[in-house]
Amino acid sequence: MAVMIARALGLSANANTGDTGFVDERDIPLWAQGAVAELKQLGVVDGKGANRSIRRAY
């Protein structure tokens, strides 16, 4: 989902481009990390408690 939103917004969303900032970043697929990082920076996603990502939202 994050990749589709990033593409719809015209973001580059390249894989492996930047830190997502989530403590469970290793659980985010590599192909989605760029999109998640950009969307988090824009405030579109913020995860859930304990700074964890919302899984299955990639």
PDB file of N, CA and C in Angstrom:
ATOM      1  N   MET A   1       0.819  -1.185   0.000  1.00  0.00           N
ATOM      2  CA  MET A   1       0.000   0.000   0.000  1.00  0.00           C
ATOM      3  C   MET A   1       0.869   1.258   0.000  1.00  0.00           C
ATOM      4  N   ALA A   2       1.927   1.256   0.799  1.00  0.00           N
ATOM      5  CA  ALA A   2       2.802   2.434   0.864  1.00  0.00           C
ATOM      6  C   ALA A   2       3.421   2.733  -0.493  1.00  0.00           C
ATOM      7  N   VAL A   3       3.813   1.702  -1.213  1.00  0.00           N
ATOM      8  CA  VAL A   3       4.425   1.896  -2.527  1.00  0.00           C
ATOM      9  C   VAL A   3       3.406   2.495  -3.492  1.00  0.00           C
ATOM     10  N   MET A   4       2.189   2.006  -3.458  1.00  0.00           N
ATOM     11  CA  MET A   4       1.154   2.528  -4.356  1.00  0.00           C
ATOM     12  C   MET A   4       0.837   3.986  -4.042  1.00  0.00           C
ATOM     13  N   ILE A   5       0.766   4.336  -2.768  1.00  0.00           N
ATOM     14  CA  ILE A   5       0.497   5.723  -2.384  1.00  0.00           C
ATOM     15  C   ILE A   5       1.646   6.626  -2.817  1.00  0.00           C
ATOM     16  N   ALA A   6       2.878   6.166  -2.590  1.00  0.00           N
ATOM     17  CA  ALA A   6       4.044   6.967  -2.984  1.00  0.00           C
ATOM     18  C   ALA A   6       4.054   7.204  -4.490  1.00  0.00           C
ATOM     19  N   ARG A   7       3.747   6.182  -5.247  1.00  0.00           N
ATOM     20  CA  ARG A   7       3.713   6.345  -6.702  1.00  0.00           C
ATOM     21  C   ARG A   7       2.606   7.300  -7.130  1.00  0.00           C
ATOM     22  N   ALA A   8       1.441   7.179  -6.489  1.00  0.00           N
ATOM     23  CA  ALA A   8       0.320   8.060  -6.824  1.00  0.00           C
ATOM     24  C   ALA A   8       0.650   9.522  -6.520  1.00  0.00           C
ATOM     25  N   LEU A   9       1.461   9.751  -5.497  1.00  0.00           N
ATOM     26  CA  LEU A   9       1.874  11.110  -5.137  1.00  0.00           C
ATOM     27  C   LEU A   9       3.053  11.600  -5.967  1.00  0.00           C
ATOM     28  N   GLY A  10       3.571  10.734  -6.821  1.00  0.00           N
ATOM     29  CA  GLY A  10       4.690  11.126  -7.672  1.00  0.00           C
ATOM     30  C   GLY A  10       6.031  11.119  -6.969  1.00  0.00           C
ATOM     31  N   LEU A  11       6.134  10.401  -5.862  1.00  0.00           N
ATOM     32  CA  LEU A  11       7.398  10.307  -5.125  1.00  0.00           C
ATOM     33  C   LEU A  11       8.292   9.269  -5.777  1.00  0.00           C
ATOM     34  N   SER A  12       9.593   9.402  -5.589  1.00  0.00           N
ATOM     35  CA  SER A  12      10.521   8.457  -6.214  1.00  0.00           C
ATOM     36  C   SER A  12      10.398   7.075  -5.596  1.00  0.00           C
ATOM     37  N   ALA A  13      10.290   7.005  -4.279  1.00  0.00           N
ATOM     38  CA  ALA A  13      10.070   5.746  -3.549  1.00  0.00           C
ATOM     39  C   ALA A  13      11.015   4.625  -3.959  1.00  0.00           C
ATOM     40  N   ASN A  14      12.266   4.972  -4.219  1.00  0.00           N
ATOM     41  CA  ASN A  14      13.243   3.951  -4.574  1.00  0.00           C
ATOM     42  C   ASN A  14      13.556   3.077  -3.371  1.00  0.00           C
ATOM     43  N   ALA A  15      13.772   1.813  -3.627  1.00  0.00           N
ATOM     44  CA  ALA A  15      14.128   0.884  -2.548  1.00  0.00           C
ATOM     45  C   ALA A  15      15.456   1.287  -1.936  1.00  0.00           C
ATOM     46  N   ASN A  16      15.585   1.052  -0.660  1.00  0.00           N
ATOM     47  CA  ASN A  16      16.824   1.295   0.072  1.00  0.00           C
ATOM     48  C   ASN A  16      17.273   2.758   0.041  1.00  0.00           C
ATOM     49  N   THR A  17      16.335   3.681   0.021  1.00  0.00           N
ATOM     50  CA  THR A  17      16.708   5.095   0.005  1.00  0.00           C
ATOM     51  C   THR A  17      16.311   5.743   1.314  1.00  0.00           C
ATOM     52  N   GLY A  18      17.159   5.616   2.284  1.00  0.00           N
ATOM     53  CA  GLY A  18      16.899   6.291   3.536  1.00  0.00           C
ATOM     54  C   GLY A  18      16.381   5.382   4.624  1.00  0.00           C
ATOM     55  N   ASP A  19      16.424   5.934   5.787  1.00  0.00           N
ATOM     56  CA  ASP A  19      16.018   5.241   6.997  1.00  0.00           C
ATOM     57  C   ASP A  19      14.525   5.454   7.210  1.00  0.00           C
ATOM     58  N   THR A  20      13.788   4.381   7.472  1.00  0.00           N
ATOM     59  CA  THR A  20      12.358   4.525   7.721  1.00  0.00           C
ATOM     60  C   THR A  20      12.100   5.111   9.098  1.00  0.00           C
ATOM     61  N   GLY A  21      13.033   4.929  10.019  1.00  0.00           N
ATOM     62  CA  GLY A  21      12.859   5.435  11.365  1.00  0.00           C
ATOM     63  C   GLY A  21      12.073   4.519  12.282  1.00  0.00           C
ATOM     64  N   PHE A  22      11.609   3.405  11.754  1.00  0.00           N
ATOM     65  CA  PHE A  22      10.871   2.455  12.576  1.00  0.00           C
ATOM     66  C   PHE A  22      11.837   1.459  13.211  1.00  0.00           C
ATOM     67  N   VAL A  23      11.564   1.095  14.457  1.00  0.00           N
ATOM     68  CA  VAL A  23      12.448   0.159  15.154  1.00  0.00           C
ATOM     69  C   VAL A  23      12.393  -1.240  14.545  1.00  0.00           C
ATOM     70  N   ASP A  24      11.316  -1.559  13.862  1.00  0.00           N
ATOM     71  CA  ASP A  24      11.199  -2.864  13.227  1.00  0.00           C
ATOM     72  C   ASP A  24      11.421  -2.783  11.708  1.00  0.00           C
ATOM     73  N   GLU A  25      12.279  -1.860  11.315  1.00  0.00           N
ATOM     74  CA  GLU A  25      12.564  -1.644   9.894  1.00  0.00           C
ATOM     75  C   GLU A  25      12.971  -2.928   9.180  1.00  0.00           C
ATOM     76  N   ARG A  26      13.657  -3.806   9.875  1.00  0.00           N
ATOM     77  CA  ARG A  26      14.113  -5.039   9.235  1.00  0.00           C
ATOM     78  C   ARG A  26      12.953  -5.907   8.762  1.00  0.00           C
ATOM     79  N   ASP A  27      11.764  -5.670   9.321  1.00  0.00           N
ATOM     80  CA  ASP A  27      10.579  -6.422   8.918  1.00  0.00           C
ATOM     81  C   ASP A  27       9.882  -5.823   7.701  1.00  0.00           C
ATOM     82  N   ILE A  28      10.295  -4.630   7.290  1.00  0.00           N
ATOM     83  CA  ILE A  28       9.722  -3.997   6.099  1.00  0.00           C
ATOM     84  C   ILE A  28      10.486  -4.516   4.889  1.00  0.00           C
ATOM     85  N   PRO A  29       9.795  -5.034   3.882  1.00  0.00           N
ATOM     86  CA  PRO A  29      10.500  -5.546   2.700  1.00  0.00           C
ATOM     87  C   PRO A  29      11.401  -4.477   2.079  1.00  0.00           C
ATOM     88  N   LEU A  30      12.551  -4.894   1.599  1.00  0.00           N
ATOM     89  CA  LEU A  30      13.494  -3.946   1.002  1.00  0.00           C
ATOM     90  C   LEU A  30      12.865  -3.126  -0.113  1.00  0.00           C
ATOM     91  N   TRP A  31      12.008  -3.744  -0.903  1.00  0.00           N
ATOM     92  CA  TRP A  31      11.395  -3.038  -2.031  1.00  0.00           C
ATOM     93  C   TRP A  31      10.422  -1.955  -1.584  1.00  0.00           C
ATOM     94  N   ALA A  32      10.003  -1.974  -0.320  1.00  0.00           N
ATOM     95  CA  ALA A  32       9.045  -0.986   0.173  1.00  0.00           C
ATOM     96  C   ALA A  32       9.674   0.066   1.087  1.00  0.00           C
ATOM     97  N   GLN A  33      10.899  -0.129   1.497  1.00  0.00           N
ATOM     98  CA  GLN A  33      11.504   0.766   2.479  1.00  0.00           C
ATOM     99  C   GLN A  33      11.613   2.204   2.007  1.00  0.00           C
ATOM    100  N   GLY A  34      11.932   2.421   0.757  1.00  0.00           N
ATOM    101  CA  GLY A  34      12.029   3.781   0.240  1.00  0.00           C
ATOM    102  C   GLY A  34      10.695   4.510   0.317  1.00  0.00           C
ATOM    103  N   ALA A  35       9.625   3.830  -0.068  1.00  0.00           N
ATOM    104  CA  ALA A  35       8.290   4.422  -0.022  1.00  0.00           C
ATOM    105  C   ALA A  35       7.878   4.714   1.414  1.00  0.00           C
ATOM    106  N   VAL A  36       8.126   3.774   2.304  1.00  0.00           N
ATOM    107  CA  VAL A  36       7.767   3.966   3.709  1.00  0.00           C
ATOM    108  C   VAL A  36       8.532   5.148   4.293  1.00  0.00           C
ATOM    109  N   ALA A  37       9.820   5.250   3.981  1.00  0.00           N
ATOM    110  CA  ALA A  37      10.639   6.352   4.497  1.00  0.00           C
ATOM    111  C   ALA A  37      10.110   7.702   4.008  1.00  0.00           C
ATOM    112  N   GLU A  38       9.790   7.795   2.723  1.00  0.00           N
ATOM    113  CA  GLU A  38       9.304   9.067   2.177  1.00  0.00           C
ATOM    114  C   GLU A  38       7.937   9.430   2.750  1.00  0.00           C
ATOM    115  N   LEU A  39       7.049   8.452   2.874  1.00  0.00           N
ATOM    116  CA  LEU A  39       5.721   8.732   3.414  1.00  0.00           C
ATOM    117  C   LEU A  39       5.782   9.110   4.887  1.00  0.00           C
ATOM    118  N   LYS A  40       6.699   8.501   5.623  1.00  0.00           N
ATOM    119  CA  LYS A  40       6.847   8.870   7.031  1.00  0.00           C
ATOM    120  C   LYS A  40       7.372  10.297   7.148  1.00  0.00           C
ATOM    121  N   GLN A  41       8.323  10.648   6.307  1.00  0.00           N
ATOM    122  CA  GLN A  41       8.885  11.999   6.340  1.00  0.00           C
ATOM    123  C   GLN A  41       7.808  13.049   6.042  1.00  0.00           C
ATOM    124  N   LEU A  42       6.859  12.708   5.184  1.00  0.00           N
ATOM    125  CA  LEU A  42       5.780  13.632   4.837  1.00  0.00           C
ATOM    126  C   LEU A  42       4.647  13.615   5.866  1.00  0.00           C
ATOM    127  N   GLY A  43       4.691  12.665   6.787  1.00  0.00           N
ATOM    128  CA  GLY A  43       3.645  12.567   7.791  1.00  0.00           C
ATOM    129  C   GLY A  43       2.426  11.783   7.348  1.00  0.00           C
ATOM    130  N   VAL A  44       2.546  11.093   6.221  1.00  0.00           N
ATOM    131  CA  VAL A  44       1.428  10.296   5.716  1.00  0.00           C
ATOM    132  C   VAL A  44       1.266   9.024   6.545  1.00  0.00           C
ATOM    133  N   VAL A  45       2.372   8.433   6.979  1.00  0.00           N
ATOM    134  CA  VAL A  45       2.331   7.259   7.856  1.00  0.00           C
ATOM    135  C   VAL A  45       3.113   7.584   9.121  1.00  0.00           C
ATOM    136  N   ASP A  46       2.677   7.027  10.213  1.00  0.00           N
ATOM    137  CA  ASP A  46       3.415   7.234  11.455  1.00  0.00           C
ATOM    138  C   ASP A  46       3.524   5.970  12.292  1.00  0.00           C
ATOM    139  N   GLY A  47       3.044   4.861  11.785  1.00  0.00           N
ATOM    140  CA  GLY A  47       3.177   3.599  12.496  1.00  0.00           C
ATOM    141  C   GLY A  47       2.233   3.491  13.667  1.00  0.00           C
ATOM    142  N   LYS A  48       2.660   2.683  14.629  1.00  0.00           N
ATOM    143  CA  LYS A  48       1.841   2.507  15.824  1.00  0.00           C
ATOM    144  C   LYS A  48       2.742   2.552  17.036  1.00  0.00           C
ATOM    145  N   GLY A  49       2.242   2.280  18.210  1.00  0.00           N
ATOM    146  CA  GLY A  49       2.993   2.395  19.458  1.00  0.00           C
ATOM    147  C   GLY A  49       4.395   1.826  19.402  1.00  0.00           C
ATOM    148  N   ALA A  50       5.251   2.348  20.229  1.00  0.00           N
ATOM    149  CA  ALA A  50       6.655   1.926  20.338  1.00  0.00           C
ATOM    150  C   ALA A  50       7.430   2.122  19.036  1.00  0.00           C
ATOM    151  N   ASN A  51       6.982   3.073  18.209  1.00  0.00           N
ATOM    152  CA  ASN A  51       7.650   3.405  16.946  1.00  0.00           C
ATOM    153  C   ASN A  51       7.793   2.205  16.022  1.00  0.00           C
ATOM    154  N   ARG A  52       6.775   1.385  15.966  1.00  0.00           N
ATOM    155  CA  ARG A  52       6.771   0.212  15.084  1.00  0.00           C
ATOM    156  C   ARG A  52       5.934   0.531  13.837  1.00  0.00           C
ATOM    157  N   SER A  53       6.316  -0.084  12.737  1.00  0.00           N
ATOM    158  CA  SER A  53       5.559   0.087  11.504  1.00  0.00           C
ATOM    159  C   SER A  53       4.268  -0.716  11.590  1.00  0.00           C
ATOM    160  N   ILE A  54       3.348  -0.393  10.719  1.00  0.00           N
ATOM    161  CA  ILE A  54       2.126  -1.180  10.633  1.00  0.00           C
ATOM    162  C   ILE A  54       2.353  -2.216   9.549  1.00  0.00           C
ATOM    163  N   ARG A  55       2.562  -3.422   9.954  1.00  0.00           N
ATOM    164  CA  ARG A  55       2.892  -4.496   9.007  1.00  0.00           C
ATOM    165  C   ARG A  55       1.762  -4.744   8.021  1.00  0.00           C
ATOM    166  N   ARG A  56       2.142  -5.238   6.897  1.00  0.00           N
ATOM    167  CA  ARG A  56       1.237  -5.561   5.796  1.00  0.00           C
ATOM    168  C   ARG A  56       0.650  -4.323   5.138  1.00  0.00           C
ATOM    169  N   ALA A  57       1.243  -3.186   5.380  1.00  0.00           N
ATOM    170  CA  ALA A  57       0.765  -1.962   4.743  1.00  0.00           C
ATOM    171  C   ALA A  57       1.759  -1.486   3.688  1.00  0.00           C
ATOM    172  N   TYR A  58       2.457  -2.407   3.076  1.00  0.00           N
ATOM    173  CA  TYR A  58       3.485  -2.043   2.109  1.00  0.00           C
ATOM    174  C   TYR A  58       2.957  -2.281   0.723  1.00  0.00           C
TER     175      TYR A  58
END
